[in-house]
Amino acid sequence: MKGLLSMRIPLGSELMTTVRLTTGGVCALKGLDIDASEDCKVCVTESLLLLRHAGYGEAAVDFSDDDGLMVAIEGAGRRKKASPAPEDEISAALLEALAESVRMEKKEGAIFSVSFRFAL
């Protein structure tokens, strides 16, 4: 796997548009079609929301080349107590429906890592 882009971002609402635009740029760089690019942007956004609902204030987002596009998102920084939101089930279902090789890891009962892949 070859790294394409890594970033660490605060999980505030004000940066979600920036992350979506960045994701779209990485998808274009990899040659994903418009539908796959839109699906990938949804998956990145939903992953970030899952981590924010889990109490993380920051996330590390890594895009890598894996005969397609591999995205790994992990909660970063200090985690505050939080409880899952009702829409978390919808976020997880969207990820499973739109991406390949979806993996969600939990620590202390909360999601701390989400990864998924889009084939070319």
Protein backbone atom coordinates (compact mmCIF):
# COMPACT_ATOMS: atom_id res chain seq x y z
CA MET A 1 0.00 0.00 0.00
CA LYS A 2 1.22 3.43 -0.93
CA GLY A 3 0.18 6.43 1.14
CA LEU A 4 -1.60 9.17 -0.79
CA LEU A 5 -2.64 11.66 1.90
CA SER A 6 -2.80 11.76 5.68
CA MET A 7 -4.42 14.43 7.79
CA ARG A 8 -5.44 15.00 11.37
CA ILE A 9 -8.50 17.13 11.84
CA PRO A 10 -10.73 18.40 14.64
CA LEU A 11 -14.19 16.83 14.45
CA GLY A 12 -16.14 20.07 14.37
CA SER A 13 -18.91 20.63 11.85
CA GLU A 14 -17.03 23.52 10.26
CA LEU A 15 -14.43 21.22 8.65
CA MET A 16 -16.74 18.55 7.23
CA THR A 17 -17.07 20.38 3.90
CA THR A 18 -13.29 20.69 3.65
CA VAL A 19 -12.86 16.97 4.31
CA ARG A 20 -15.51 16.11 1.69
CA LEU A 21 -13.76 18.31 -0.89
CA THR A 22 -10.39 16.76 -0.05
CA THR A 23 -11.90 13.27 -0.35
CA GLY A 24 -13.30 14.19 -3.76
CA GLY A 25 -9.85 15.33 -4.86
CA VAL A 26 -8.24 12.07 -3.74
CA CYS A 27 -10.96 10.08 -5.53
CA ALA A 28 -10.30 12.05 -8.73
CA LEU A 29 -6.56 11.44 -8.36
CA LYS A 30 -7.23 7.69 -8.12
CA GLY A 31 -9.64 7.72 -11.07
CA LEU A 32 -12.84 6.73 -9.26
CA ASP A 33 -15.97 7.53 -11.23
CA ILE A 34 -18.40 10.18 -9.99
CA ASP A 35 -20.73 7.68 -8.28
CA ALA A 36 -17.92 5.96 -6.39
CA SER A 37 -16.48 9.37 -5.45
CA GLU A 38 -19.83 10.48 -3.99
CA ASP A 39 -20.15 7.18 -2.11
CA CYS A 40 -16.64 7.58 -0.72
CA LYS A 41 -17.40 11.13 0.46
CA VAL A 42 -20.50 9.85 2.25
CA CYS A 43 -18.48 7.06 3.89
CA VAL A 44 -15.78 9.45 5.11
CA THR A 45 -18.36 11.85 6.53
CA GLU A 46 -20.33 9.09 8.25
CA SER A 47 -17.12 7.64 9.73
CA LEU A 48 -16.17 11.02 11.17
CA LEU A 49 -19.65 11.39 12.66
CA LEU A 50 -19.37 7.95 14.28
CA LEU A 51 -16.09 8.98 15.91
CA ARG A 52 -17.50 12.31 17.04
CA HIS A 53 -20.50 10.54 18.60
CA ALA A 54 -18.02 8.19 20.33
CA GLY A 55 -16.53 11.23 22.08
CA TYR A 56 -13.43 11.94 20.01
CA GLY A 57 -12.53 15.55 19.32
CA GLU A 58 -10.07 14.76 16.53
CA ALA A 59 -9.51 12.11 13.88
CA ALA A 60 -6.61 10.89 11.78
CA VAL A 61 -7.66 10.25 8.17
CA ASP A 62 -5.38 8.24 5.88
CA PHE A 63 -5.93 7.64 2.17
CA SER A 64 -3.77 4.98 0.54
CA ASP A 65 -3.40 3.21 -2.78
CA ASP A 66 -4.44 -0.44 -2.55
CA ASP A 67 -5.40 -1.38 -6.15
CA GLY A 68 -8.16 1.09 -5.47
CA LEU A 69 -8.61 3.54 -2.63
CA MET A 70 -8.26 2.49 1.00
CA VAL A 71 -9.45 4.89 3.68
CA ALA A 72 -8.60 4.49 7.37
CA ILE A 73 -10.06 6.85 9.95
CA GLU A 74 -9.16 6.68 13.63
CA GLY A 75 -10.21 8.70 16.64
CA ALA A 76 -7.36 10.82 17.97
CA GLY A 77 -6.71 12.88 21.03
CA ARG A 78 -8.45 12.56 24.32
CA ARG A 79 -11.84 10.86 24.25
CA LYS A 80 -14.61 12.27 26.41
CA LYS A 81 -17.51 10.22 27.68
CA ALA A 82 -20.25 9.95 25.14
CA SER A 83 -23.05 7.63 24.26
CA PRO A 84 -23.90 6.33 20.81
CA ALA A 85 -26.39 8.42 18.86
CA PRO A 86 -29.51 6.82 17.36
CA GLU A 87 -28.27 7.65 13.85
CA ASP A 88 -25.07 5.63 14.37
CA GLU A 89 -26.85 2.50 13.14
CA ILE A 90 -27.77 4.34 9.93
CA SER A 91 -24.14 5.48 9.51
CA ALA A 92 -22.89 1.91 9.93
CA ALA A 93 -25.47 0.59 7.46
CA LEU A 94 -24.48 3.22 4.88
CA LEU A 95 -20.83 2.23 5.20
CA GLU A 96 -21.65 -1.45 4.72
CA ALA A 97 -23.85 -0.70 1.71
CA LEU A 98 -21.52 1.71 -0.11
CA ALA A 99 -17.96 0.48 0.52
CA GLU A 100 -15.98 -2.76 0.41
CA SER A 101 -14.00 -4.36 3.22
CA VAL A 102 -15.61 -2.22 5.93
CA ARG A 103 -14.02 -2.68 9.33
CA MET A 104 -15.10 -0.92 12.53
CA GLU A 105 -13.07 -1.45 15.66
CA LYS A 106 -14.25 -0.70 19.17
CA LYS A 107 -12.34 0.15 22.30
CA GLU A 108 -14.07 0.40 25.66
CA GLY A 109 -17.43 -0.10 23.95
CA ALA A 110 -17.03 2.79 21.49
CA ILE A 111 -15.93 2.88 17.86
CA PHE A 112 -12.38 4.20 17.58
CA SER A 113 -11.44 3.10 14.06
CA VAL A 114 -13.21 2.74 10.70
CA SER A 115 -11.63 1.55 7.47
CA PHE A 116 -13.03 0.77 4.04
CA ARG A 117 -12.03 0.34 0.42
CA PHE A 118 -13.24 1.41 -3.02
CA ALA A 119 -12.10 -0.59 -6.04
CA LEU A 120 -11.20 1.04 -9.33
